[in-house]
């Protein structure tokens, strides 16, 4: 089940740190201090932490320059939905 969904609009890149400050101790970071994000668009959290936090447009440092491309938004959304449902829904 999903406990919460946060939707945000806008197209100005901002660090996720402010929004996710309460999770900061649990977010796994790379050598440059940036949050690690897996192939399912999910923040990598410390072992033992349940649940998932999915992000879009916050992963350019891990997924490349195409990350903020609006043309890929539908594909990223499908990846997230597939991860949430545990099957290939899209």
Protein backbone atom coordinates (compact mmCIF):
# COMPACT_ATOMS: atom_id res chain seq x y z
CA UNK A 1 0.00 0.00 0.00
CA UNK A 2 0.97 3.62 -0.37
CA UNK A 3 0.78 5.83 2.71
CA UNK A 4 1.36 9.14 0.98
CA UNK A 5 1.88 10.67 -2.43
CA UNK A 6 3.45 14.09 -2.83
CA UNK A 7 2.79 15.85 -6.10
CA UNK A 8 4.60 19.02 -7.04
CA UNK A 9 4.55 21.17 -10.12
CA UNK A 10 7.05 23.56 -11.58
CA UNK A 11 10.16 23.26 -13.64
CA UNK A 12 12.83 24.84 -11.50
CA UNK A 13 15.51 22.48 -10.28
CA UNK A 14 15.81 22.46 -6.52
CA UNK A 15 17.73 20.21 -4.16
CA UNK A 16 15.60 17.55 -2.51
CA UNK A 17 17.36 18.11 0.81
CA UNK A 18 14.92 20.74 2.11
CA UNK A 19 11.82 18.70 1.31
CA UNK A 20 13.31 15.52 2.73
CA UNK A 21 15.17 16.99 5.72
CA UNK A 22 13.52 14.57 8.17
CA UNK A 23 14.85 11.63 6.15
CA UNK A 24 18.37 13.01 5.84
CA UNK A 25 19.96 10.61 8.36
CA UNK A 26 18.60 7.66 6.35
CA UNK A 27 19.48 8.76 2.81
CA UNK A 28 22.53 7.01 1.32
CA UNK A 29 24.79 9.53 -0.43
CA UNK A 30 27.60 9.32 -2.95
CA UNK A 31 31.13 10.62 -2.38
CA UNK A 32 29.98 14.13 -3.36
CA UNK A 33 27.16 14.13 -0.80
CA UNK A 34 24.38 13.72 -3.36
CA UNK A 35 21.51 11.30 -2.71
CA UNK A 36 21.87 7.94 -4.41
CA UNK A 37 18.91 7.07 -6.63
CA UNK A 38 18.34 3.59 -8.04
CA UNK A 39 17.09 2.50 -11.46
CA UNK A 40 13.47 2.61 -10.25
CA UNK A 41 13.76 6.36 -9.48
CA UNK A 42 13.86 5.51 -5.76
CA UNK A 43 16.07 7.13 -3.13
CA UNK A 44 18.51 4.61 -1.71
CA UNK A 45 17.83 4.47 2.01
CA UNK A 46 19.88 3.00 4.83
CA UNK A 47 19.50 -0.75 5.41
CA UNK A 48 16.56 -1.59 7.62
CA UNK A 49 14.49 1.43 6.60
CA UNK A 50 11.12 0.32 5.22
CA UNK A 51 9.17 2.02 2.50
CA UNK A 52 10.30 3.87 -0.59
CA UNK A 53 10.70 7.46 -1.70
CA UNK A 54 10.46 7.96 -5.45
CA UNK A 55 11.76 11.07 -7.17
CA UNK A 56 11.56 12.59 -10.61
CA UNK A 57 13.95 15.23 -11.93
CA UNK A 58 16.20 14.91 -8.89
CA UNK A 59 18.49 12.30 -10.42
CA UNK A 60 20.53 14.04 -13.10
CA UNK A 61 23.73 13.18 -11.20
CA UNK A 62 22.87 9.45 -11.37
CA UNK A 63 20.71 9.08 -14.48
CA UNK A 64 22.30 11.66 -16.82
CA UNK A 65 21.23 14.78 -18.67
CA UNK A 66 17.99 13.18 -19.88
CA UNK A 67 16.64 13.04 -16.32
CA UNK A 68 14.81 16.39 -16.41
CA UNK A 69 13.57 15.88 -19.99
CA UNK A 70 9.78 16.23 -20.01
CA UNK A 71 9.65 13.84 -22.95
CA UNK A 72 10.82 11.05 -20.64
CA UNK A 73 8.32 11.86 -17.87
CA UNK A 74 5.83 9.20 -19.00
CA UNK A 75 8.55 6.54 -19.07
CA UNK A 76 9.80 7.55 -15.59
CA UNK A 77 6.22 7.46 -14.29
CA UNK A 78 5.78 3.96 -15.71
CA UNK A 79 8.99 2.81 -14.02
CA UNK A 80 7.70 4.14 -10.69
CA UNK A 81 4.24 2.58 -11.10
CA UNK A 82 5.82 -0.77 -12.01
CA UNK A 83 7.96 -0.60 -8.86
CA UNK A 84 4.94 0.31 -6.71
CA UNK A 85 2.77 -2.49 -8.10
CA UNK A 86 5.56 -5.07 -8.22
CA UNK A 87 4.68 -6.02 -11.79
CA UNK A 88 5.00 -4.65 -15.30
CA UNK A 89 1.83 -2.57 -15.35
CA UNK A 90 3.19 -0.33 -18.12
